[in-house]
Amino acid sequence: MTGFSRPLRLGILASRNGSSLRAIVAAIRSGELAAEARLVVSNNRTAPALAFAAEAGVPARCIPTQADPDAADAELASVLLAAGVELVVLSGYLRRLGPRTLAAYRDRIVNIHPGPLPTFGGAGMFGRRVHEAVLAAGVGRSAATIHLVDEEYDHGATLATLEIPVEAGDTAEALEARVTAAEPRFFVETLKRLAAGEPLLPTG
C-alpha cells in the first residue's frame, strides 16, 4: 500500500464508540500523524462516534444500512469520494461493506481484528467470541491484526500484526481487555507508517 497523499486523507467508519477513531483524531491534532480526518460515517444514529466527530469538528454522516443496503452502499461510496477520502479505516464498523464501496476503494480499506488471522477470523468471529476461541485453542499468543477488507469477512491480506501474550489463568474478558486497550495505539502506529510512505507488505 503506497502512493498515498501527504497528509493522508482518511474516512473513518464506526458503529459505536470508535475508540480507534478517537486515537487517530488525537494523533492528527497533536501533529503525530500526518493525516486529515475528512469524514466520519456511522450506520447508527445514536453512535457516540458521531457525537465525538461533531465535537472534534470532523464532518460526519449517518447512513443506515438495514432498510436498503444497496442504496446505503451507493451513498457511502459517493460521500467518501466527494470528501476526497483515499483510505477508509474501520473503527468498529459492524456492517459488511457493499460492492460499490469495495470497488471504489479496492485495497484502500483497512480493519483491525482482535485476534490472529486467518485462524481466528471469518463469519461470526467478532468481539468476545474471538478471545474465547483463542483460549479454547490453547495457543500462547493472541494478536491484533490490521488487514485489508474485501468481500469476505477477515479475508483480506494482513498488513500488520501486534502479538499479545496469553497469560496464565486468562479469561476471555481479561484477554479482550488487553487486546482492546492495545488496538487504538497500534492502529495509529500503522497509519503513521503509511503516512510516511513506508510500504506495508501483505503477510497473509
C-alpha atoms as a PDB file:
ATOM      1  CA  MET A   1       0.000   0.000   0.000  1.00  0.00           C
ATOM      2  CA  THR A   2       1.852   3.029  -1.295  1.00  0.00           C
ATOM      3  CA  GLY A   3       1.140   6.156  -3.318  1.00  0.00           C
ATOM      4  CA  PHE A   4      -0.983   7.986  -0.764  1.00  0.00           C
ATOM      5  CA  SER A   5      -1.106  11.764  -0.473  1.00  0.00           C
ATOM      6  CA  ARG A   6       0.576  13.628   2.336  1.00  0.00           C
ATOM      7  CA  PRO A   7      -1.235  14.326   4.566  1.00  0.00           C
ATOM      8  CA  LEU A   8      -3.135  11.064   4.343  1.00  0.00           C
ATOM      9  CA  ARG A   9      -6.834  11.658   3.670  1.00  0.00           C
ATOM     10  CA  LEU A  10      -8.911   9.386   5.898  1.00  0.00           C
ATOM     11  CA  GLY A  11     -12.542   8.336   6.034  1.00  0.00           C
ATOM     12  CA  ILE A  12     -13.409   6.541   9.259  1.00  0.00           C
ATOM     13  CA  LEU A  13     -16.415   4.245   9.715  1.00  0.00           C
ATOM     14  CA  ALA A  14     -17.677   3.433  13.207  1.00  0.00           C
ATOM     15  CA  SER A  15     -20.856   1.816  14.511  1.00  0.00           C
ATOM     16  CA  ARG A  16     -20.408   2.560  18.205  1.00  0.00           C
ATOM     17  CA  ASN A  17     -17.804   4.364  20.287  1.00  0.00           C
ATOM     18  CA  GLY A  18     -14.992   4.445  17.745  1.00  0.00           C
ATOM     19  CA  SER A  19     -12.015   4.011  20.087  1.00  0.00           C
ATOM     20  CA  SER A  20      -9.529   3.914  17.234  1.00  0.00           C
ATOM     21  CA  LEU A  21     -11.269   6.923  15.636  1.00  0.00           C
ATOM     22  CA  ARG A  22     -10.630   8.911  18.817  1.00  0.00           C
ATOM     23  CA  ALA A  23      -6.976   7.874  18.963  1.00  0.00           C
ATOM     24  CA  ILE A  24      -6.474   8.732  15.290  1.00  0.00           C
ATOM     25  CA  VAL A  25      -8.033  12.197  15.637  1.00  0.00           C
ATOM     26  CA  ALA A  26      -5.930  12.870  18.749  1.00  0.00           C
ATOM     27  CA  ALA A  27      -2.767  11.857  16.881  1.00  0.00           C
ATOM     28  CA  ILE A  28      -3.678  14.150  13.981  1.00  0.00           C
ATOM     29  CA  ARG A  29      -4.343  17.081  16.318  1.00  0.00           C
ATOM     30  CA  SER A  30      -1.040  16.630  18.139  1.00  0.00           C
ATOM     31  CA  GLY A  31       0.898  16.522  14.877  1.00  0.00           C
ATOM     32  CA  GLU A  32       1.976  12.933  15.486  1.00  0.00           C
ATOM     33  CA  LEU A  33       0.063  11.612  12.473  1.00  0.00           C
ATOM     34  CA  ALA A  34       0.337  13.379   9.121  1.00  0.00           C
ATOM     35  CA  ALA A  35      -3.266  12.879   8.101  1.00  0.00           C
ATOM     36  CA  GLU A  36      -6.659  14.543   7.766  1.00  0.00           C
ATOM     37  CA  ALA A  37      -9.904  13.083   9.069  1.00  0.00           C
ATOM     38  CA  ARG A  38     -12.051  14.012   6.073  1.00  0.00           C
ATOM     39  CA  LEU A  39     -15.242  12.202   7.095  1.00  0.00           C
ATOM     40  CA  VAL A  40     -16.731  10.006   9.811  1.00  0.00           C
ATOM     41  CA  VAL A  41     -19.629   7.739   8.856  1.00  0.00           C
ATOM     42  CA  SER A  42     -21.801   5.578  11.087  1.00  0.00           C
ATOM     43  CA  ASN A  43     -24.704   3.280  10.358  1.00  0.00           C
ATOM     44  CA  ASN A  44     -26.074   4.044  13.841  1.00  0.00           C
ATOM     45  CA  ARG A  45     -27.735   7.405  14.557  1.00  0.00           C
ATOM     46  CA  THR A  46     -27.010   7.150  18.284  1.00  0.00           C
ATOM     47  CA  ALA A  47     -23.357   6.126  17.905  1.00  0.00           C
ATOM     48  CA  PRO A  48     -21.079   8.035  20.316  1.00  0.00           C
ATOM     49  CA  ALA A  49     -18.638   8.232  17.408  1.00  0.00           C
ATOM     50  CA  LEU A  50     -20.941  10.730  15.664  1.00  0.00           C
ATOM     51  CA  ALA A  51     -21.144  12.939  18.745  1.00  0.00           C
ATOM     52  CA  PHE A  52     -17.372  12.798  19.070  1.00  0.00           C
ATOM     53  CA  ALA A  53     -16.924  13.796  15.433  1.00  0.00           C
ATOM     54  CA  ALA A  54     -19.233  16.781  15.908  1.00  0.00           C
ATOM     55  CA  GLU A  55     -17.288  17.906  18.976  1.00  0.00           C
ATOM     56  CA  ALA A  56     -13.993  17.443  17.146  1.00  0.00           C
ATOM     57  CA  GLY A  57     -15.146  19.414  14.110  1.00  0.00           C
ATOM     58  CA  VAL A  58     -14.896  16.433  11.761  1.00  0.00           C
ATOM     59  CA  PRO A  59     -17.625  16.178   9.086  1.00  0.00           C
ATOM     60  CA  ALA A  60     -19.917  13.262   9.866  1.00  0.00           C
ATOM     61  CA  ARG A  61     -22.787  11.389   8.259  1.00  0.00           C
ATOM     62  CA  CYS A  62     -25.177   8.697   9.376  1.00  0.00           C
ATOM     63  CA  ILE A  63     -26.011   6.199   6.646  1.00  0.00           C
ATOM     64  CA  PRO A  64     -28.349   3.474   7.966  1.00  0.00           C
ATOM     65  CA  THR A  65     -27.894   0.193   6.138  1.00  0.00           C
ATOM     66  CA  GLN A  66     -30.766  -2.075   7.172  1.00  0.00           C
ATOM     67  CA  ALA A  67     -33.693  -0.668   5.182  1.00  0.00           C
ATOM     68  CA  ASP A  68     -31.950  -0.523   1.789  1.00  0.00           C
ATOM     69  CA  PRO A  69     -28.391  -1.912   1.809  1.00  0.00           C
ATOM     70  CA  ASP A  70     -27.842  -1.229  -1.904  1.00  0.00           C
ATOM     71  CA  ALA A  71     -28.801   2.435  -1.607  1.00  0.00           C
ATOM     72  CA  ALA A  72     -26.698   2.767   1.543  1.00  0.00           C
ATOM     73  CA  ASP A  73     -23.709   1.256  -0.255  1.00  0.00           C
ATOM     74  CA  ALA A  74     -24.075   3.692  -3.147  1.00  0.00           C
ATOM     75  CA  GLU A  75     -24.415   6.635  -0.769  1.00  0.00           C
ATOM     76  CA  LEU A  76     -21.394   5.573   1.275  1.00  0.00           C
ATOM     77  CA  ALA A  77     -19.169   5.276  -1.773  1.00  0.00           C
ATOM     78  CA  SER A  78     -20.426   8.638  -3.029  1.00  0.00           C
ATOM     79  CA  VAL A  79     -19.844  10.602   0.181  1.00  0.00           C
ATOM     80  CA  LEU A  80     -16.388   9.115   0.721  1.00  0.00           C
ATOM     81  CA  LEU A  81     -15.325  10.041  -2.813  1.00  0.00           C
ATOM     82  CA  ALA A  82     -16.876  13.504  -2.534  1.00  0.00           C
ATOM     83  CA  ALA A  83     -14.902  14.124   0.668  1.00  0.00           C
ATOM     84  CA  GLY A  84     -11.648  13.256  -1.094  1.00  0.00           C
ATOM     85  CA  VAL A  85     -11.063  10.204   1.096  1.00  0.00           C
ATOM     86  CA  GLU A  86      -8.242   7.978  -0.137  1.00  0.00           C
ATOM     87  CA  LEU A  87      -8.018   5.451   2.707  1.00  0.00           C
ATOM     88  CA  VAL A  88     -11.026   4.045   4.587  1.00  0.00           C
ATOM     89  CA  VAL A  89     -10.466   2.989   8.205  1.00  0.00           C
ATOM     90  CA  LEU A  90     -12.948   0.735  10.004  1.00  0.00           C
ATOM     91  CA  SER A  91     -13.152   1.545  13.716  1.00  0.00           C
ATOM     92  CA  GLY A  92     -15.642  -0.983  14.996  1.00  0.00           C
ATOM     93  CA  TYR A  93     -17.871  -0.790  11.915  1.00  0.00           C
ATOM     94  CA  LEU A  94     -20.326  -3.659  12.290  1.00  0.00           C
ATOM     95  CA  ARG A  95     -21.709  -3.926   8.780  1.00  0.00           C
ATOM     96  CA  ARG A  96     -20.382  -5.716   5.722  1.00  0.00           C
ATOM     97  CA  LEU A  97     -19.339  -3.225   3.051  1.00  0.00           C
ATOM     98  CA  GLY A  98     -21.160  -3.366  -0.269  1.00  0.00           C
ATOM     99  CA  PRO A  99     -19.790  -3.828  -3.795  1.00  0.00           C
ATOM    100  CA  ARG A 100     -19.755  -0.144  -4.778  1.00  0.00           C
ATOM    101  CA  THR A 101     -17.696   0.900  -1.767  1.00  0.00           C
ATOM    102  CA  LEU A 102     -15.378  -2.088  -2.138  1.00  0.00           C
ATOM    103  CA  ALA A 103     -14.849  -1.317  -5.834  1.00  0.00           C
ATOM    104  CA  ALA A 104     -14.246   2.392  -5.236  1.00  0.00           C
ATOM    105  CA  TYR A 105     -11.655   1.639  -2.538  1.00  0.00           C
ATOM    106  CA  ARG A 106     -10.151  -1.643  -3.644  1.00  0.00           C
ATOM    107  CA  ASP A 107      -7.073  -2.325  -1.462  1.00  0.00           C
ATOM    108  CA  ARG A 108      -7.707   1.000   0.308  1.00  0.00           C
ATOM    109  CA  ILE A 109      -9.884  -0.183   3.212  1.00  0.00           C
ATOM    110  CA  VAL A 110      -8.292  -1.332   6.456  1.00  0.00           C
ATOM    111  CA  ASN A 111      -9.780  -3.009   9.506  1.00  0.00           C
ATOM    112  CA  ILE A 112      -8.411  -4.180  12.842  1.00  0.00           C
ATOM    113  CA  HIS A 113      -9.345  -7.666  14.042  1.00  0.00           C
ATOM    114  CA  PRO A 114      -8.972  -8.704  17.704  1.00  0.00           C
ATOM    115  CA  GLY A 115      -7.153 -11.979  17.052  1.00  0.00           C
ATOM    116  CA  PRO A 116      -4.668 -13.793  14.827  1.00  0.00           C
ATOM    117  CA  LEU A 117      -5.745 -14.217  11.215  1.00  0.00           C
ATOM    118  CA  PRO A 118      -6.703 -16.316   9.388  1.00  0.00           C
ATOM    119  CA  THR A 119      -7.040 -18.871  12.209  1.00  0.00           C
ATOM    120  CA  PHE A 120      -9.428 -16.857  14.377  1.00  0.00           C
ATOM    121  CA  GLY A 121     -11.389 -14.954  11.743  1.00  0.00           C
ATOM    122  CA  GLY A 122     -14.340 -15.370   9.417  1.00  0.00           C
ATOM    123  CA  ALA A 123     -18.114 -15.096   9.679  1.00  0.00           C
ATOM    124  CA  GLY A 124     -19.294 -14.971  13.275  1.00  0.00           C
ATOM    125  CA  MET A 125     -15.809 -14.371  14.672  1.00  0.00           C
ATOM    126  CA  PHE A 126     -16.068 -10.986  16.341  1.00  0.00           C
ATOM    127  CA  GLY A 127     -15.854  -9.499  19.811  1.00  0.00           C
ATOM    128  CA  ARG A 128     -15.531 -11.864  22.740  1.00  0.00           C
ATOM    129  CA  ARG A 129     -16.062 -14.910  20.528  1.00  0.00           C
ATOM    130  CA  VAL A 130     -12.567 -14.392  19.142  1.00  0.00           C
ATOM    131  CA  HIS A 131     -10.974 -14.384  22.589  1.00  0.00           C
ATOM    132  CA  GLU A 132     -12.958 -17.417  23.691  1.00  0.00           C
ATOM    133  CA  ALA A 133     -11.738 -19.283  20.607  1.00  0.00           C
ATOM    134  CA  VAL A 134      -8.122 -18.273  21.230  1.00  0.00           C
ATOM    135  CA  LEU A 135      -8.277 -19.574  24.803  1.00  0.00           C
ATOM    136  CA  ALA A 136     -10.068 -22.761  23.760  1.00  0.00           C
ATOM    137  CA  ALA A 137      -7.295 -23.454  21.238  1.00  0.00           C
ATOM    138  CA  GLY A 138      -4.671 -23.285  23.958  1.00  0.00           C
ATOM    139  CA  VAL A 139      -2.294 -21.080  21.977  1.00  0.00           C
ATOM    140  CA  GLY A 140       0.305 -18.977  23.758  1.00  0.00           C
ATOM    141  CA  ARG A 141      -0.276 -15.753  21.869  1.00  0.00           C
ATOM    142  CA  SER A 142      -3.160 -13.749  20.534  1.00  0.00           C
ATOM    143  CA  ALA A 143      -2.860 -10.629  18.376  1.00  0.00           C
ATOM    144  CA  ALA A 144      -4.403  -7.504  16.994  1.00  0.00           C
ATOM    145  CA  THR A 145      -4.329  -7.782  13.206  1.00  0.00           C
ATOM    146  CA  ILE A 146      -4.680  -4.962  10.684  1.00  0.00           C
ATOM    147  CA  HIS A 147      -5.809  -6.244   7.309  1.00  0.00           C
ATOM    148  CA  LEU A 148      -7.276  -5.170   4.008  1.00  0.00           C
ATOM    149  CA  VAL A 149     -11.031  -5.522   3.619  1.00  0.00           C
ATOM    150  CA  ASP A 150     -12.609  -7.423   0.749  1.00  0.00           C
ATOM    151  CA  GLU A 151     -15.865  -9.253   0.063  1.00  0.00           C
ATOM    152  CA  GLU A 152     -15.269 -11.925   2.732  1.00  0.00           C
ATOM    153  CA  TYR A 153     -15.078 -11.440   6.484  1.00  0.00           C
ATOM    154  CA  ASP A 154     -11.467 -11.138   7.697  1.00  0.00           C
ATOM    155  CA  HIS A 155     -10.179 -12.444   4.366  1.00  0.00           C
ATOM    156  CA  GLY A 156      -8.087  -9.562   3.014  1.00  0.00           C
ATOM    157  CA  ALA A 157      -4.304  -9.590   3.226  1.00  0.00           C
ATOM    158  CA  THR A 158      -2.717  -8.951   6.607  1.00  0.00           C
ATOM    159  CA  LEU A 159      -0.709  -5.714   6.739  1.00  0.00           C
ATOM    160  CA  ALA A 160       0.496  -5.598  10.349  1.00  0.00           C
ATOM    161  CA  THR A 161       0.255  -7.778  13.454  1.00  0.00           C
ATOM    162  CA  LEU A 162       0.753  -6.919  17.113  1.00  0.00           C
ATOM    163  CA  GLU A 163       1.297 -10.043  19.188  1.00  0.00           C
ATOM    164  CA  ILE A 164      -0.331 -10.124  22.626  1.00  0.00           C
ATOM    165  CA  PRO A 165       0.669 -12.943  25.006  1.00  0.00           C
ATOM    166  CA  VAL A 166      -1.962 -15.158  26.556  1.00  0.00           C
ATOM    167  CA  GLU A 167      -1.347 -15.118  30.288  1.00  0.00           C
ATOM    168  CA  ALA A 168      -1.781 -17.949  32.769  1.00  0.00           C
ATOM    169  CA  GLY A 169      -5.336 -18.071  34.073  1.00  0.00           C
ATOM    170  CA  ASP A 170      -6.622 -15.725  31.379  1.00  0.00           C
ATOM    171  CA  THR A 171     -10.356 -15.354  30.934  1.00  0.00           C
ATOM    172  CA  ALA A 172     -11.936 -14.212  27.700  1.00  0.00           C
ATOM    173  CA  GLU A 173     -12.830 -10.952  29.426  1.00  0.00           C
ATOM    174  CA  ALA A 174      -9.258 -10.306  30.572  1.00  0.00           C
ATOM    175  CA  LEU A 175      -7.750 -11.132  27.178  1.00  0.00           C
ATOM    176  CA  GLU A 176     -10.355  -8.982  25.438  1.00  0.00           C
ATOM    177  CA  ALA A 177      -9.499  -6.049  27.711  1.00  0.00           C
ATOM    178  CA  ARG A 178      -5.787  -6.237  26.878  1.00  0.00           C
ATOM    179  CA  VAL A 179      -6.332  -6.567  23.142  1.00  0.00           C
ATOM    180  CA  THR A 180      -8.911  -3.757  23.107  1.00  0.00           C
ATOM    181  CA  ALA A 181      -6.587  -1.472  25.040  1.00  0.00           C
ATOM    182  CA  ALA A 182      -3.749  -2.085  22.559  1.00  0.00           C
ATOM    183  CA  GLU A 183      -5.724  -1.630  19.346  1.00  0.00           C
ATOM    184  CA  PRO A 184      -6.038   2.194  19.073  1.00  0.00           C
ATOM    185  CA  ARG A 185      -2.299   2.855  19.507  1.00  0.00           C
ATOM    186  CA  PHE A 186      -1.441   0.020  17.124  1.00  0.00           C
ATOM    187  CA  PHE A 187      -3.782   1.494  14.504  1.00  0.00           C
ATOM    188  CA  VAL A 188      -2.170   4.925  14.895  1.00  0.00           C
ATOM    189  CA  GLU A 189       1.335   3.494  14.569  1.00  0.00           C
ATOM    190  CA  THR A 190       0.380   1.592  11.430  1.00  0.00           C
ATOM    191  CA  LEU A 191      -1.208   4.677   9.863  1.00  0.00           C
ATOM    192  CA  LYS A 192       1.935   6.663  10.693  1.00  0.00           C
ATOM    193  CA  ARG A 193       3.936   4.177   8.653  1.00  0.00           C
ATOM    194  CA  LEU A 194       1.551   4.591   5.739  1.00  0.00           C
ATOM    195  CA  ALA A 195       1.587   8.375   6.015  1.00  0.00           C
ATOM    196  CA  ALA A 196       5.396   8.313   5.988  1.00  0.00           C
ATOM    197  CA  GLY A 197       5.344   6.390   2.723  1.00  0.00           C
ATOM    198  CA  GLU A 198       6.610   3.181   4.279  1.00  0.00           C
ATOM    199  CA  PRO A 199       5.230   0.198   2.355  1.00  0.00           C
ATOM    200  CA  LEU A 200       3.243  -2.319   4.357  1.00  0.00           C
ATOM    201  CA  LEU A 201       3.705  -5.565   2.550  1.00  0.00           C
ATOM    202  CA  PRO A 202       0.908  -8.111   2.915  1.00  0.00           C
ATOM    203  CA  THR A 203       1.869 -11.042   5.127  1.00  0.00           C
ATOM    204  CA  GLY A 204      -1.075 -13.286   4.544  1.00  0.00           C
END
